[in-house]
PDB file of N, CA and C in Angstrom:
ATOM      1  N   MET A   1      91.905 158.661 124.538  1.00  0.00           N
ATOM      2  CA  MET A   1      91.862 157.214 124.420  1.00  0.00           C
ATOM      3  C   MET A   1      93.282 156.710 124.185  1.00  0.00           C
ATOM      4  N   HIS A   2      93.482 155.450 124.579  1.00  0.00           N
ATOM      5  CA  HIS A   2      94.801 154.844 124.430  1.00  0.00           C
ATOM      6  C   HIS A   2      94.715 153.542 123.630  1.00  0.00           C
ATOM      7  N   CYS A   3      95.790 153.268 122.903  1.00  0.00           N
ATOM      8  CA  CYS A   3      95.899 152.092 122.042  1.00  0.00           C
ATOM      9  C   CYS A   3      95.798 150.809 122.868  1.00  0.00           C
ATOM     10  N   PRO A   4      94.985 149.848 122.383  1.00  0.00           N
ATOM     11  CA  PRO A   4      94.886 148.571 123.090  1.00  0.00           C
ATOM     12  C   PRO A   4      96.128 147.700 122.949  1.00  0.00           C
ATOM     13  N   LYS A   5      97.024 148.041 122.035  1.00  0.00           N
ATOM     14  CA  LYS A   5      98.227 147.236 121.809  1.00  0.00           C
ATOM     15  C   LYS A   5      99.455 147.803 122.510  1.00  0.00           C
ATOM     16  N   CYS A   6      99.696 149.129 122.366  1.00  0.00           N
ATOM     17  CA  CYS A   6     100.945 149.683 122.904  1.00  0.00           C
ATOM     18  C   CYS A   6     100.704 150.785 123.931  1.00  0.00           C
ATOM     19  N   ASN A   7      99.453 151.110 124.185  1.00  0.00           N
ATOM     20  CA  ASN A   7      99.050 152.090 125.190  1.00  0.00           C
ATOM     21  C   ASN A   7      99.421 153.538 124.849  1.00  0.00           C
ATOM     22  N   SER A   8      99.853 153.799 123.601  1.00  0.00           N
ATOM     23  CA  SER A   8     100.109 155.172 123.178  1.00  0.00           C
ATOM     24  C   SER A   8      98.767 155.872 122.917  1.00  0.00           C
ATOM     25  N   GLU A   9      98.821 157.171 122.758  1.00  0.00           N
ATOM     26  CA  GLU A   9      97.606 157.945 122.537  1.00  0.00           C
ATOM     27  C   GLU A   9      97.011 157.687 121.146  1.00  0.00           C
ATOM     28  N   LEU A  10      95.695 157.519 121.099  1.00  0.00           N
ATOM     29  CA  LEU A  10      94.970 157.438 119.823  1.00  0.00           C
ATOM     30  C   LEU A  10      94.559 158.853 119.443  1.00  0.00           C
ATOM     31  N   LYS A  11      94.904 159.262 118.232  1.00  0.00           N
ATOM     32  CA  LYS A  11      94.600 160.622 117.774  1.00  0.00           C
ATOM     33  C   LYS A  11      93.611 160.559 116.620  1.00  0.00           C
ATOM     34  N   PRO A  12      92.598 161.440 116.640  1.00  0.00           N
ATOM     35  CA  PRO A  12      91.591 161.421 115.578  1.00  0.00           C
ATOM     36  C   PRO A  12      92.160 161.873 114.232  1.00  0.00           C
ATOM     37  N   ILE A  13      91.737 161.179 113.177  1.00  0.00           N
ATOM     38  CA  ILE A  13      92.027 161.572 111.804  1.00  0.00           C
ATOM     39  C   ILE A  13      90.720 161.475 111.029  1.00  0.00           C
ATOM     40  N   VAL A  14      90.580 162.285 109.991  1.00  0.00           N
ATOM     41  CA  VAL A  14      89.325 162.346 109.247  1.00  0.00           C
ATOM     42  C   VAL A  14      89.593 162.130 107.762  1.00  0.00           C
ATOM     43  N   HIS A  15      88.759 161.312 107.147  1.00  0.00           N
ATOM     44  CA  HIS A  15      88.762 161.139 105.689  1.00  0.00           C
ATOM     45  C   HIS A  15      87.315 161.250 105.231  1.00  0.00           C
ATOM     46  N   GLU A  16      87.032 162.259 104.424  1.00  0.00           N
ATOM     47  CA  GLU A  16      85.685 162.489 103.894  1.00  0.00           C
ATOM     48  C   GLU A  16      84.603 162.384 104.982  1.00  0.00           C
ATOM     49  N   ASN A  17      84.789 163.142 106.038  1.00  0.00           N
ATOM     50  CA  ASN A  17      83.834 163.242 107.150  1.00  0.00           C
ATOM     51  C   ASN A  17      83.694 161.975 107.989  1.00  0.00           C
ATOM     52  N   VAL A  18      84.568 160.999 107.814  1.00  0.00           N
ATOM     53  CA  VAL A  18      84.569 159.814 108.667  1.00  0.00           C
ATOM     54  C   VAL A  18      85.797 159.938 109.566  1.00  0.00           C
ATOM     55  N   GLU A  19      85.560 159.997 110.874  1.00  0.00           N
ATOM     56  CA  GLU A  19      86.649 160.152 111.827  1.00  0.00           C
ATOM     57  C   GLU A  19      86.979 158.809 112.471  1.00  0.00           C
ATOM     58  N   VAL A  20      88.258 158.461 112.435  1.00  0.00           N
ATOM     59  CA  VAL A  20      88.760 157.270 113.108  1.00  0.00           C
ATOM     60  C   VAL A  20      89.921 157.708 113.993  1.00  0.00           C
ATOM     61  N   ASP A  21      90.482 156.787 114.741  1.00  0.00           N
ATOM     62  CA  ASP A  21      91.586 157.110 115.636  1.00  0.00           C
ATOM     63  C   ASP A  21      92.801 156.282 115.276  1.00  0.00           C
ATOM     64  N   ARG A  22      93.941 156.967 115.122  1.00  0.00           N
ATOM     65  CA  ARG A  22      95.191 156.290 114.775  1.00  0.00           C
ATOM     66  C   ARG A  22      96.144 156.383 115.967  1.00  0.00           C
ATOM     67  N   CYS A  23      96.824 155.281 116.243  1.00  0.00           N
ATOM     68  CA  CYS A  23      97.775 155.233 117.343  1.00  0.00           C
ATOM     69  C   CYS A  23      99.028 156.033 116.998  1.00  0.00           C
ATOM     70  N   SER A  24      99.432 156.895 117.923  1.00  0.00           N
ATOM     71  CA  SER A  24     100.630 157.702 117.718  1.00  0.00           C
ATOM     72  C   SER A  24     101.905 156.876 117.910  1.00  0.00           C
ATOM     73  N   GLY A  25     101.768 155.674 118.446  1.00  0.00           N
ATOM     74  CA  GLY A  25     102.928 154.811 118.656  1.00  0.00           C
ATOM     75  C   GLY A  25     103.099 153.773 117.566  1.00  0.00           C
ATOM     76  N   CYS A  26     102.197 152.786 117.534  1.00  0.00           N
ATOM     77  CA  CYS A  26     102.340 151.655 116.599  1.00  0.00           C
ATOM     78  C   CYS A  26     101.652 151.886 115.251  1.00  0.00           C
ATOM     79  N   GLY A  27     100.841 152.929 115.122  1.00  0.00           N
ATOM     80  CA  GLY A  27     100.185 153.222 113.843  1.00  0.00           C
ATOM     81  C   GLY A  27      98.909 152.452 113.602  1.00  0.00           C
ATOM     82  N   GLY A  28      98.456 151.655 114.579  1.00  0.00           N
ATOM     83  CA  GLY A  28      97.200 150.919 114.432  1.00  0.00           C
ATOM     84  C   GLY A  28      96.012 151.867 114.347  1.00  0.00           C
ATOM     85  N   LEU A  29      94.878 151.346 113.897  1.00  0.00           N
ATOM     86  CA  LEU A  29      93.673 152.164 113.692  1.00  0.00           C
ATOM     87  C   LEU A  29      92.501 151.611 114.481  1.00  0.00           C
ATOM     88  N   TRP A  30      91.796 152.499 115.198  1.00  0.00           N
ATOM     89  CA  TRP A  30      90.573 152.151 115.909  1.00  0.00           C
ATOM     90  C   TRP A  30      89.397 152.695 115.113  1.00  0.00           C
ATOM     91  N   PHE A  31      88.445 151.801 114.806  1.00  0.00           N
ATOM     92  CA  PHE A  31      87.232 152.160 114.080  1.00  0.00           C
ATOM     93  C   PHE A  31      86.024 151.921 114.972  1.00  0.00           C
ATOM     94  N   ASP A  32      85.158 152.922 115.081  1.00  0.00           N
ATOM     95  CA  ASP A  32      83.873 152.682 115.731  1.00  0.00           C
ATOM     96  C   ASP A  32      83.063 151.783 114.800  1.00  0.00           C
ATOM     97  N   VAL A  33      81.954 151.272 115.282  1.00  0.00           N
ATOM     98  CA  VAL A  33      81.159 150.291 114.554  1.00  0.00           C
ATOM     99  C   VAL A  33      80.913 150.721 113.093  1.00  0.00           C
ATOM    100  N   PHE A  34      81.247 149.857 112.158  1.00  0.00           N
ATOM    101  CA  PHE A  34      81.062 149.977 110.712  1.00  0.00           C
ATOM    102  C   PHE A  34      81.887 151.058 110.017  1.00  0.00           C
ATOM    103  N   GLU A  35      82.713 151.820 110.741  1.00  0.00           N
ATOM    104  CA  GLU A  35      83.519 152.845 110.071  1.00  0.00           C
ATOM    105  C   GLU A  35      84.498 152.230 109.079  1.00  0.00           C
ATOM    106  N   HIS A  36      85.053 151.063 109.396  1.00  0.00           N
ATOM    107  CA  HIS A  36      85.996 150.420 108.471  1.00  0.00           C
ATOM    108  C   HIS A  36      85.304 150.046 107.165  1.00  0.00           C
ATOM    109  N   GLU A  37      84.040 149.614 107.246  1.00  0.00           N
ATOM    110  CA  GLU A  37      83.282 149.272 106.038  1.00  0.00           C
ATOM    111  C   GLU A  37      82.947 150.526 105.232  1.00  0.00           C
ATOM    112  N   GLU A  38      82.591 151.592 105.920  1.00  0.00           N
ATOM    113  CA  GLU A  38      82.286 152.849 105.248  1.00  0.00           C
ATOM    114  C   GLU A  38      83.522 153.388 104.529  1.00  0.00           C
ATOM    115  N   LEU A  39      84.656 153.374 105.213  1.00  0.00           N
ATOM    116  CA  LEU A  39      85.888 153.868 104.610  1.00  0.00           C
ATOM    117  C   LEU A  39      86.371 152.984 103.473  1.00  0.00           C
ATOM    118  N   LYS A  40      86.099 151.698 103.554  1.00  0.00           N
ATOM    119  CA  LYS A  40      86.522 150.781 102.490  1.00  0.00           C
ATOM    120  C   LYS A  40      85.934 151.200 101.148  1.00  0.00           C
ATOM    121  N   GLN A  41      84.758 151.796 101.167  1.00  0.00           N
ATOM    122  CA  GLN A  41      84.074 152.202  99.943  1.00  0.00           C
ATOM    123  C   GLN A  41      84.536 153.554  99.398  1.00  0.00           C
ATOM    124  N   LEU A  42      85.302 154.315 100.178  1.00  0.00           N
ATOM    125  CA  LEU A  42      85.702 155.663  99.783  1.00  0.00           C
ATOM    126  C   LEU A  42      87.067 155.671  99.100  1.00  0.00           C
ATOM    127  N   ASP A  43      87.139 156.330  97.960  1.00  0.00           N
ATOM    128  CA  ASP A  43      88.405 156.453  97.240  1.00  0.00           C
ATOM    129  C   ASP A  43      89.449 157.140  98.104  1.00  0.00           C
ATOM    130  N   GLY A  44      90.651 156.614  98.075  1.00  0.00           N
ATOM    131  CA  GLY A  44      91.774 157.220  98.769  1.00  0.00           C
ATOM    132  C   GLY A  44      91.832 156.977 100.259  1.00  0.00           C
ATOM    133  N   SER A  45      90.878 156.242 100.817  1.00  0.00           N
ATOM    134  CA  SER A  45      90.861 156.056 102.267  1.00  0.00           C
ATOM    135  C   SER A  45      92.036 155.213 102.765  1.00  0.00           C
ATOM    136  N   GLU A  46      92.678 154.463 101.885  1.00  0.00           N
ATOM    137  CA  GLU A  46      93.826 153.659 102.306  1.00  0.00           C
ATOM    138  C   GLU A  46      94.965 154.546 102.810  1.00  0.00           C
ATOM    139  N   ARG A  47      94.928 155.842 102.466  1.00  0.00           N
ATOM    140  CA  ARG A  47      95.976 156.767 102.923  1.00  0.00           C
ATOM    141  C   ARG A  47      95.954 156.984 104.432  1.00  0.00           C
ATOM    142  N   ILE A  48      94.841 156.675 105.104  1.00  0.00           N
ATOM    143  CA  ILE A  48      94.829 156.837 106.565  1.00  0.00           C
ATOM    144  C   ILE A  48      95.734 155.811 107.229  1.00  0.00           C
ATOM    145  N   ASP A  49      96.016 154.725 106.515  1.00  0.00           N
ATOM    146  CA  ASP A  49      96.860 153.651 107.026  1.00  0.00           C
ATOM    147  C   ASP A  49      98.235 153.776 106.388  1.00  0.00           C
ATOM    148  N   TYR A  50      98.888 154.882 106.675  1.00  0.00           N
ATOM    149  CA  TYR A  50     100.161 155.173 106.020  1.00  0.00           C
ATOM    150  C   TYR A  50     101.324 154.382 106.598  1.00  0.00           C
ATOM    151  N   SER A  51     101.129 153.809 107.764  1.00  0.00           N
ATOM    152  CA  SER A  51     102.218 153.085 108.414  1.00  0.00           C
ATOM    153  C   SER A  51     102.457 151.750 107.743  1.00  0.00           C
ATOM    154  N   PRO A  52     103.717 151.363 107.618  1.00  0.00           N
ATOM    155  CA  PRO A  52     103.976 150.001 107.152  1.00  0.00           C
ATOM    156  C   PRO A  52     103.567 149.026 108.246  1.00  0.00           C
ATOM    157  N   LYS A  53     103.347 147.803 107.867  1.00  0.00           N
ATOM    158  CA  LYS A  53     102.992 146.798 108.873  1.00  0.00           C
ATOM    159  C   LYS A  53     104.115 146.750 109.907  1.00  0.00           C
ATOM    160  N   THR A  54     103.743 146.829 111.162  1.00  0.00           N
ATOM    161  CA  THR A  54     104.735 146.895 112.218  1.00  0.00           C
ATOM    162  C   THR A  54     104.631 145.677 113.113  1.00  0.00           C
ATOM    163  N   THR A  55     105.620 145.508 113.924  1.00  0.00           N
ATOM    164  CA  THR A  55     105.601 144.439 114.907  1.00  0.00           C
ATOM    165  C   THR A  55     104.863 144.949 116.137  1.00  0.00           C
ATOM    166  N   VAL A  56     103.866 144.209 116.555  1.00  0.00           N
ATOM    167  CA  VAL A  56     103.111 144.564 117.744  1.00  0.00           C
ATOM    168  C   VAL A  56     103.968 144.204 118.953  1.00  0.00           C
ATOM    169  N   PRO A  57     103.964 145.042 119.982  1.00  0.00           N
ATOM    170  CA  PRO A  57     104.753 144.702 121.166  1.00  0.00           C
ATOM    171  C   PRO A  57     104.433 143.286 121.649  1.00  0.00           C
ATOM    172  N   PRO A  58     105.447 142.514 122.051  1.00  0.00           N
ATOM    173  CA  PRO A  58     105.220 141.125 122.463  1.00  0.00           C
ATOM    174  C   PRO A  58     104.328 141.028 123.700  1.00  0.00           C
ATOM    175  N   ASN A  59     103.587 139.927 123.752  1.00  0.00           N
ATOM    176  CA  ASN A  59     102.743 139.606 124.903  1.00  0.00           C
ATOM    177  C   ASN A  59     101.684 140.651 125.229  1.00  0.00           C
ATOM    178  N   THR A  60     101.207 141.365 124.208  1.00  0.00           N
ATOM    179  CA  THR A  60     100.190 142.379 124.491  1.00  0.00           C
ATOM    180  C   THR A  60      98.794 141.782 124.519  1.00  0.00           C
ATOM    181  N   GLY A  61      98.589 140.647 123.848  1.00  0.00           N
ATOM    182  CA  GLY A  61      97.250 140.063 123.790  1.00  0.00           C
ATOM    183  C   GLY A  61      96.315 140.988 123.035  1.00  0.00           C
ATOM    184  N   ALA A  62      95.030 140.757 123.197  1.00  0.00           N
ATOM    185  CA  ALA A  62      94.040 141.554 122.485  1.00  0.00           C
ATOM    186  C   ALA A  62      93.812 142.904 123.152  1.00  0.00           C
ATOM    187  N   GLY A  63      94.105 143.043 124.431  1.00  0.00           N
ATOM    188  CA  GLY A  63      93.957 144.317 125.112  1.00  0.00           C
ATOM    189  C   GLY A  63      92.521 144.631 125.504  1.00  0.00           C
ATOM    190  N   LYS A  64      92.304 145.893 125.830  1.00  0.00           N
ATOM    191  CA  LYS A  64      90.973 146.360 126.231  1.00  0.00           C
ATOM    192  C   LYS A  64      90.509 147.452 125.296  1.00  0.00           C
ATOM    193  N   CYS A  65      89.207 147.544 125.137  1.00  0.00           N
ATOM    194  CA  CYS A  65      88.594 148.540 124.261  1.00  0.00           C
ATOM    195  C   CYS A  65      88.969 149.944 124.746  1.00  0.00           C
ATOM    196  N   PRO A  66      89.448 150.796 123.839  1.00  0.00           N
ATOM    197  CA  PRO A  66      89.802 152.153 124.248  1.00  0.00           C
ATOM    198  C   PRO A  66      88.579 153.008 124.607  1.00  0.00           C
ATOM    199  N   LYS A  67      87.402 152.598 124.180  1.00  0.00           N
ATOM    200  CA  LYS A  67      86.179 153.366 124.471  1.00  0.00           C
ATOM    201  C   LYS A  67      85.566 152.981 125.814  1.00  0.00           C
ATOM    202  N   ASP A  68      85.435 151.671 126.076  1.00  0.00           N
ATOM    203  CA  ASP A  68      84.683 151.250 127.264  1.00  0.00           C
ATOM    204  C   ASP A  68      85.438 150.272 128.163  1.00  0.00           C
ATOM    205  N   GLN A  69      86.705 150.027 127.847  1.00  0.00           N
ATOM    206  CA  GLN A  69      87.592 149.181 128.652  1.00  0.00           C
ATOM    207  C   GLN A  69      87.158 147.718 128.774  1.00  0.00           C
ATOM    208  N   GLN A  70      86.271 147.273 127.897  1.00  0.00           N
ATOM    209  CA  GLN A  70      85.875 145.865 127.872  1.00  0.00           C
ATOM    210  C   GLN A  70      86.978 145.062 127.188  1.00  0.00           C
ATOM    211  N   PRO A  71      87.137 143.779 127.519  1.00  0.00           N
ATOM    212  CA  PRO A  71      88.158 142.961 126.854  1.00  0.00           C
ATOM    213  C   PRO A  71      87.864 142.849 125.351  1.00  0.00           C
ATOM    214  N   LEU A  72      88.924 142.936 124.557  1.00  0.00           N
ATOM    215  CA  LEU A  72      88.802 142.734 123.111  1.00  0.00           C
ATOM    216  C   LEU A  72      89.051 141.267 122.817  1.00  0.00           C
ATOM    217  N   PHE A  73      88.469 140.786 121.728  1.00  0.00           N
ATOM    218  CA  PHE A  73      88.731 139.418 121.314  1.00  0.00           C
ATOM    219  C   PHE A  73      89.183 139.420 119.869  1.00  0.00           C
ATOM    220  N   SER A  74      89.993 138.427 119.506  1.00  0.00           N
ATOM    221  CA  SER A  74      90.567 138.342 118.164  1.00  0.00           C
ATOM    222  C   SER A  74      89.576 137.761 117.177  1.00  0.00           C
ATOM    223  N   MET A  75      89.575 138.330 115.982  1.00  0.00           N
ATOM    224  CA  MET A  75      88.703 137.915 114.887  1.00  0.00           C
ATOM    225  C   MET A  75      89.535 137.885 113.613  1.00  0.00           C
ATOM    226  N   VAL A  76      88.973 137.295 112.549  1.00  0.00           N
ATOM    227  CA  VAL A  76      89.575 137.384 111.215  1.00  0.00           C
ATOM    228  C   VAL A  76      88.528 137.935 110.265  1.00  0.00           C
ATOM    229  N   VAL A  77      89.000 138.587 109.216  1.00  0.00           N
ATOM    230  CA  VAL A  77      88.113 139.164 108.210  1.00  0.00           C
ATOM    231  C   VAL A  77      87.565 138.035 107.334  1.00  0.00           C
ATOM    232  N   ALA A  78      86.244 137.976 107.208  1.00  0.00           N
ATOM    233  CA  ALA A  78      85.624 136.965 106.340  1.00  0.00           C
ATOM    234  C   ALA A  78      86.127 137.165 104.915  1.00  0.00           C
ATOM    235  N   GLY A  79      86.582 136.101 104.301  1.00  0.00           N
ATOM    236  CA  GLY A  79      87.104 136.166 102.939  1.00  0.00           C
ATOM    237  C   GLY A  79      88.560 136.591 102.870  1.00  0.00           C
ATOM    238  N   GLN A  80      89.103 137.126 103.955  1.00  0.00           N
ATOM    239  CA  GLN A  80      90.503 137.524 104.030  1.00  0.00           C
ATOM    240  C   GLN A  80      91.073 137.030 105.373  1.00  0.00           C
ATOM    241  N   PRO A  81      91.095 135.719 105.581  1.00  0.00           N
ATOM    242  CA  PRO A  81      91.467 135.194 106.893  1.00  0.00           C
ATOM    243  C   PRO A  81      92.903 135.461 107.315  1.00  0.00           C
ATOM    244  N   HIS A  82      93.722 135.980 106.413  1.00  0.00           N
ATOM    245  CA  HIS A  82      95.088 136.348 106.788  1.00  0.00           C
ATOM    246  C   HIS A  82      95.107 137.670 107.564  1.00  0.00           C
ATOM    247  N   ILE A  83      93.970 138.369 107.611  1.00  0.00           N
ATOM    248  CA  ILE A  83      93.883 139.626 108.362  1.00  0.00           C
ATOM    249  C   ILE A  83      93.146 139.355 109.666  1.00  0.00           C
ATOM    250  N   SER A  84      93.857 139.492 110.758  1.00  0.00           N
ATOM    251  CA  SER A  84      93.217 139.349 112.069  1.00  0.00           C
ATOM    252  C   SER A  84      93.108 140.736 112.694  1.00  0.00           C
ATOM    253  N   TYR A  85      92.090 140.909 113.509  1.00  0.00           N
ATOM    254  CA  TYR A  85      91.883 142.189 114.170  1.00  0.00           C
ATOM    255  C   TYR A  85      91.269 141.934 115.535  1.00  0.00           C
ATOM    256  N   GLU A  86      91.172 142.971 116.344  1.00  0.00           N
ATOM    257  CA  GLU A  86      90.580 142.857 117.661  1.00  0.00           C
ATOM    258  C   GLU A  86      89.244 143.586 117.653  1.00  0.00           C
ATOM    259  N   SER A  87      88.266 143.019 118.344  1.00  0.00           N
ATOM    260  CA  SER A  87      86.912 143.567 118.335  1.00  0.00           C
ATOM    261  C   SER A  87      86.356 143.642 119.750  1.00  0.00           C
ATOM    262  N   CYS A  88      85.516 144.644 119.985  1.00  0.00           N
ATOM    263  CA  CYS A  88      84.844 144.804 121.268  1.00  0.00           C
ATOM    264  C   CYS A  88      83.422 144.257 121.146  1.00  0.00           C
ATOM    265  N   GLY A  89      83.069 143.322 121.990  1.00  0.00           N
ATOM    266  CA  GLY A  89      81.730 142.743 121.973  1.00  0.00           C
ATOM    267  C   GLY A  89      80.669 143.671 122.529  1.00  0.00           C
ATOM    268  N   PHE A  90      81.079 144.752 123.167  1.00  0.00           N
ATOM    269  CA  PHE A  90      80.133 145.687 123.766  1.00  0.00           C
ATOM    270  C   PHE A  90      79.775 146.820 122.800  1.00  0.00           C
ATOM    271  N   CYS A  91      80.794 147.577 122.328  1.00  0.00           N
ATOM    272  CA  CYS A  91      80.522 148.722 121.429  1.00  0.00           C
ATOM    273  C   CYS A  91      80.701 148.355 119.956  1.00  0.00           C
ATOM    274  N   HIS A  92      81.277 147.175 119.681  1.00  0.00           N
ATOM    275  CA  HIS A  92      81.509 146.648 118.325  1.00  0.00           C
ATOM    276  C   HIS A  92      82.543 147.439 117.532  1.00  0.00           C
ATOM    277  N   GLY A  93      83.385 148.195 118.234  1.00  0.00           N
ATOM    278  CA  GLY A  93      84.513 148.834 117.575  1.00  0.00           C
ATOM    279  C   GLY A  93      85.561 147.786 117.243  1.00  0.00           C
ATOM    280  N   ILE A  94      86.475 148.128 116.317  1.00  0.00           N
ATOM    281  CA  ILE A  94      87.539 147.188 115.951  1.00  0.00           C
ATOM    282  C   ILE A  94      88.879 147.906 115.850  1.00  0.00           C
ATOM    283  N   PHE A  95      89.942 147.132 116.039  1.00  0.00           N
ATOM    284  CA  PHE A  95      91.305 147.659 115.945  1.00  0.00           C
ATOM    285  C   PHE A  95      92.080 146.851 114.920  1.00  0.00           C
ATOM    286  N   PHE A  96      92.605 147.564 113.908  1.00  0.00           N
ATOM    287  CA  PHE A  96      93.494 146.971 112.914  1.00  0.00           C
ATOM    288  C   PHE A  96      94.918 147.407 113.241  1.00  0.00           C
ATOM    289  N   ASP A  97      95.866 146.472 113.224  1.00  0.00           N
ATOM    290  CA  ASP A  97      97.269 146.844 113.347  1.00  0.00           C
ATOM    291  C   ASP A  97      97.654 147.646 112.107  1.00  0.00           C
ATOM    292  N   ALA A  98      98.778 148.360 112.200  1.00  0.00           N
ATOM    293  CA  ALA A  98      99.270 149.146 111.069  1.00  0.00           C
ATOM    294  C   ALA A  98      99.382 148.264 109.832  1.00  0.00           C
ATOM    295  N   GLY A  99      98.902 148.745 108.719  1.00  0.00           N
ATOM    296  CA  GLY A  99      98.961 148.032 107.440  1.00  0.00           C
ATOM    297  C   GLY A  99      97.773 147.139 107.156  1.00  0.00           C
ATOM    298  N   GLU A 100      96.996 146.790 108.182  1.00  0.00           N
ATOM    299  CA  GLU A 100      95.881 145.860 107.968  1.00  0.00           C
ATOM    300  C   GLU A 100      94.679 146.506 107.288  1.00  0.00           C
ATOM    301  N   PHE A 101      94.407 147.782 107.540  1.00  0.00           N
ATOM    302  CA  PHE A 101      93.278 148.416 106.843  1.00  0.00           C
ATOM    303  C   PHE A 101      93.579 148.520 105.354  1.00  0.00           C
ATOM    304  N   LYS A 102      94.815 148.874 105.020  1.00  0.00           N
ATOM    305  CA  LYS A 102      95.197 148.962 103.608  1.00  0.00           C
ATOM    306  C   LYS A 102      95.008 147.598 102.931  1.00  0.00           C
ATOM    307  N   ASP A 103      95.406 146.536 103.608  1.00  0.00           N
ATOM    308  CA  ASP A 103      95.232 145.176 103.088  1.00  0.00           C
ATOM    309  C   ASP A 103      93.739 144.844 102.968  1.00  0.00           C
ATOM    310  N   PHE A 104      92.954 145.203 103.969  1.00  0.00           N
ATOM    311  CA  PHE A 104      91.504 144.990 103.979  1.00  0.00           C
ATOM    312  C   PHE A 104      90.853 145.691 102.786  1.00  0.00           C
ATOM    313  N   LYS A 105      91.272 146.910 102.521  1.00  0.00           N
ATOM    314  CA  LYS A 105      90.698 147.693 101.412  1.00  0.00           C
ATOM    315  C   LYS A 105      91.091 147.106 100.061  1.00  0.00           C
ATOM    316  N   GLU A 106      92.250 146.519  99.952  1.00  0.00           N
ATOM    317  CA  GLU A 106      92.742 145.984  98.689  1.00  0.00           C
ATOM    318  C   GLU A 106      92.329 144.533  98.481  1.00  0.00           C
ATOM    319  N   GLU A 107      91.139 144.200  98.915  1.00  0.00           N
ATOM    320  CA  GLU A 107      90.618 142.841  98.749  1.00  0.00           C
ATOM    321  C   GLU A 107      90.708 142.442  97.282  1.00  0.00           C
ATOM    322  N   THR A 108      91.266 141.282  97.012  1.00  0.00           N
ATOM    323  CA  THR A 108      91.455 140.829  95.640  1.00  0.00           C
ATOM    324  C   THR A 108      90.175 140.204  95.091  1.00  0.00           C
ATOM    325  N   PHE A 109      90.129 140.073  93.800  1.00  0.00           N
ATOM    326  CA  PHE A 109      88.990 139.418  93.151  1.00  0.00           C
ATOM    327  C   PHE A 109      88.827 137.993  93.680  1.00  0.00           C
ATOM    328  N   ALA A 110      89.942 137.269  93.827  1.00  0.00           N
ATOM    329  CA  ALA A 110      89.884 135.885  94.319  1.00  0.00           C
ATOM    330  C   ALA A 110      89.311 135.834  95.734  1.00  0.00           C
ATOM    331  N   GLU A 111      89.700 136.790  96.573  1.00  0.00           N
ATOM    332  CA  GLU A 111      89.165 136.826  97.935  1.00  0.00           C
ATOM    333  C   GLU A 111      87.661 137.094  97.929  1.00  0.00           C
ATOM    334  N   ARG A 112      87.210 138.017  97.081  1.00  0.00           N
ATOM    335  CA  ARG A 112      85.771 138.312  96.982  1.00  0.00           C
ATOM    336  C   ARG A 112      85.012 137.092  96.467  1.00  0.00           C
ATOM    337  N   PHE A 113      85.578 136.390  95.492  1.00  0.00           N
ATOM    338  CA  PHE A 113      84.950 135.208  94.915  1.00  0.00           C
ATOM    339  C   PHE A 113      84.798 134.117  95.977  1.00  0.00           C
ATOM    340  N   ARG A 114      85.879 133.857  96.720  1.00  0.00           N
ATOM    341  CA  ARG A 114      85.823 132.845  97.779  1.00  0.00           C
ATOM    342  C   ARG A 114      84.789 133.203  98.833  1.00  0.00           C
ATOM    343  N   ALA A 115      84.740 134.465  99.239  1.00  0.00           N
ATOM    344  CA  ALA A 115      83.783 134.897 100.261  1.00  0.00           C
ATOM    345  C   ALA A 115      82.352 134.776  99.751  1.00  0.00           C
ATOM    346  N   LEU A 116      82.132 135.138  98.495  1.00  0.00           N
ATOM    347  CA  LEU A 116      80.795 135.101  97.916  1.00  0.00           C
ATOM    348  C   LEU A 116      80.265 133.671  97.831  1.00  0.00           C
ATOM    349  N   PHE A 117      81.130 132.748  97.453  1.00  0.00           N
ATOM    350  CA  PHE A 117      80.693 131.368  97.257  1.00  0.00           C
ATOM    351  C   PHE A 117      81.070 130.438  98.407  1.00  0.00           C
ATOM    352  N   GLY A 118      81.649 131.003  99.465  1.00  0.00           N
ATOM    353  CA  GLY A 118      81.973 130.198 100.647  1.00  0.00           C
ATOM    354  C   GLY A 118      83.001 129.116 100.377  1.00  0.00           C
ATOM    355  N   LEU A 119      83.896 129.363  99.464  1.00  0.00           N
ATOM    356  CA  LEU A 119      84.906 128.365  99.131  1.00  0.00           C
ATOM    357  C   LEU A 119      86.047 128.405 100.135  1.00  0.00           C
ATOM    358  N   ALA A 120      86.648 127.279 100.361  1.00  0.00           N
ATOM    359  CA  ALA A 120      87.779 127.178 101.284  1.00  0.00           C
ATOM    360  C   ALA A 120      88.947 127.984 100.764  1.00  0.00           C
ATOM    361  N   THR A 121      89.735 128.516 101.667  1.00  0.00           N
ATOM    362  CA  THR A 121      90.894 129.299 101.267  1.00  0.00           C
ATOM    363  C   THR A 121      92.164 128.461 101.207  1.00  0.00           C
ATOM    364  N   THR A 122      92.079 127.208 101.612  1.00  0.00           N
ATOM    365  CA  THR A 122      93.239 126.327 101.531  1.00  0.00           C
ATOM    366  C   THR A 122      92.842 125.051 100.798  1.00  0.00           C
ATOM    367  N   VAL A 123      93.826 124.420 100.243  1.00  0.00           N
ATOM    368  CA  VAL A 123      93.595 123.159  99.537  1.00  0.00           C
ATOM    369  C   VAL A 123      93.986 122.027 100.464  1.00  0.00           C
ATOM    370  N   PRO A 124      93.127 121.019 100.660  1.00  0.00           N
ATOM    371  CA  PRO A 124      93.493 119.913 101.539  1.00  0.00           C
ATOM    372  C   PRO A 124      94.699 119.161 101.009  1.00  0.00           C
ATOM    373  N   ALA A 125      95.496 118.659 101.923  1.00  0.00           N
ATOM    374  CA  ALA A 125      96.683 117.897 101.539  1.00  0.00           C
ATOM    375  C   ALA A 125      96.274 116.569 100.925  1.00  0.00           C
ATOM    376  N   GLU A 126      97.064 116.115  99.933  1.00  0.00           N
ATOM    377  CA  GLU A 126      96.790 114.814  99.316  1.00  0.00           C
ATOM    378  C   GLU A 126      97.214 113.718 100.268  1.00  0.00           C
ATOM    379  N   ARG A 127      96.531 112.611 100.212  1.00  0.00           N
ATOM    380  CA  ARG A 127      96.868 111.478 101.089  1.00  0.00           C
ATOM    381  C   ARG A 127      97.742 110.505 100.390  1.00  0.00           C
TER     382      ARG A 127
END
């Protein structure tokens, strides 16, 4: 499989029997359906995202799914809208750029509170 962002090879890595694919070029991570949620619950899983946040090659767009070559579309994490990722509408896999899974796993109390109660993440400007 190849990275939807930089076209480098995706290589399998395993944490506690959960296998995901990490890009050998940009360090992004490909998760099959719900693997990111499963790993979020496991201690030490943030170590799979050892790469610092990197610059994605310019003009790459969302790319195509490495599994089924369907177009990916951009999404944001509910409760953490500063994290955007690419998702496949066919197989429901997702791609996090380098550093985004670590950020996803380190969800703050305030982010959980906002997500739980559906509160806005920004304050409207005063008139």
